Amino acid sequence: MSVKELKDGIEAGKVLFGVKQALKVGAKAKNIFIAKDTRDDTVEKLEKAELAFDVLKSKEELTKELNLDFECEVFCLK
């Protein structure tokens, strides 16, 4: 998966931000993406819930590329 797909999802209003949202949606999620510098405890929560995810760029790079005004380490495409 690419950052472009994530950006398109944000523009379409189909992206949830944060690990709590990803855990709520769970297996119903189309895709889950994490930043490569995501905290270990966050990765463990996703793995414990048996959710598959793709690793993208760093939080800083994603913030710039996705034109966000906040850093996020977990993105859930619904």
Protein backbone atom coordinates (compact mmCIF):
# COMPACT_ATOMS: atom_id res chain seq x y z
CA MET A 1 0.00 0.00 0.00
CA SER A 2 1.13 3.49 -0.64
CA VAL A 3 0.89 6.89 0.93
CA LYS A 4 -1.16 7.99 -2.10
CA GLU A 5 -3.89 5.48 -1.27
CA LEU A 6 -3.95 6.76 2.29
CA LYS A 7 -4.11 10.37 1.08
CA ASP A 8 -7.03 9.51 -1.23
CA GLY A 9 -8.78 7.84 1.71
CA ILE A 10 -8.35 10.94 3.88
CA GLU A 11 -9.82 13.13 1.14
CA ALA A 12 -12.78 10.74 0.83
CA GLY A 13 -13.35 10.77 4.60
CA LYS A 14 -12.60 7.05 4.94
CA VAL A 15 -9.65 7.20 7.35
CA LEU A 16 -9.72 6.89 11.13
CA PHE A 17 -6.73 8.10 13.12
CA GLY A 18 -5.15 6.40 16.11
CA VAL A 19 -4.78 2.95 17.59
CA LYS A 20 -8.02 3.15 19.59
CA GLN A 21 -10.04 3.72 16.43
CA ALA A 22 -8.22 0.90 14.62
CA LEU A 23 -8.96 -1.47 17.49
CA LYS A 24 -12.65 -0.46 17.50
CA VAL A 25 -13.03 -1.16 13.77
CA GLY A 26 -10.87 -4.27 14.03
CA ALA A 27 -11.16 -6.87 11.28
CA LYS A 28 -13.75 -4.76 9.44
CA ALA A 29 -10.99 -2.33 8.46
CA LYS A 30 -10.01 -2.35 4.82
CA ASN A 31 -6.37 -1.59 5.69
CA ILE A 32 -4.39 -0.46 8.71
CA PHE A 33 -1.19 1.52 8.28
CA ILE A 34 1.42 2.44 10.85
CA ALA A 35 4.41 4.76 10.80
CA LYS A 36 7.80 3.05 10.85
CA ASP A 37 8.60 4.81 14.14
CA THR A 38 5.42 3.70 15.90
CA ARG A 39 5.83 2.97 19.60
CA ASP A 40 6.39 -0.68 20.52
CA ASP A 41 3.36 -0.82 22.83
CA THR A 42 1.12 0.37 19.99
CA VAL A 43 2.44 -2.34 17.66
CA GLU A 44 1.90 -4.92 20.41
CA LYS A 45 -1.74 -3.83 20.82
CA LEU A 46 -2.38 -4.32 17.11
CA GLU A 47 -0.60 -7.68 17.08
CA LYS A 48 -2.48 -8.85 20.19
CA ALA A 49 -5.76 -8.00 18.42
CA GLU A 50 -4.45 -10.02 15.43
CA LEU A 51 -4.80 -7.05 13.08
CA ALA A 52 -2.61 -6.98 9.99
CA PHE A 53 -0.96 -3.68 9.14
CA ASP A 54 1.42 -2.16 6.61
CA VAL A 55 4.41 -0.09 7.69
CA LEU A 56 4.89 3.26 5.96
CA LYS A 57 7.28 6.19 6.48
CA SER A 58 8.08 8.01 9.71
CA LYS A 59 5.45 10.04 11.55
CA GLU A 60 7.17 13.28 10.52
CA GLU A 61 7.26 12.31 6.83
CA LEU A 62 3.63 11.15 6.86
CA THR A 63 2.51 14.38 8.53
CA LYS A 64 4.11 16.40 5.73
CA GLU A 65 2.98 14.18 2.84
CA LEU A 66 -0.59 13.87 4.08
CA ASN A 67 -0.75 17.59 4.90
CA LEU A 68 -1.82 16.97 8.49
CA ASP A 69 -1.51 19.46 11.33
CA PHE A 70 -0.82 16.67 13.85
CA GLU A 71 1.38 13.57 14.05
CA CYS A 72 -0.30 10.18 13.96
CA GLU A 73 1.20 6.71 14.05
CA VAL A 74 -1.84 4.56 13.17
CA PHE A 75 -4.21 5.09 10.25
CA CYS A 76 -7.23 2.88 9.59
CA LEU A 77 -8.84 2.83 6.14
CA LYS A 78 -12.49 1.85 6.46
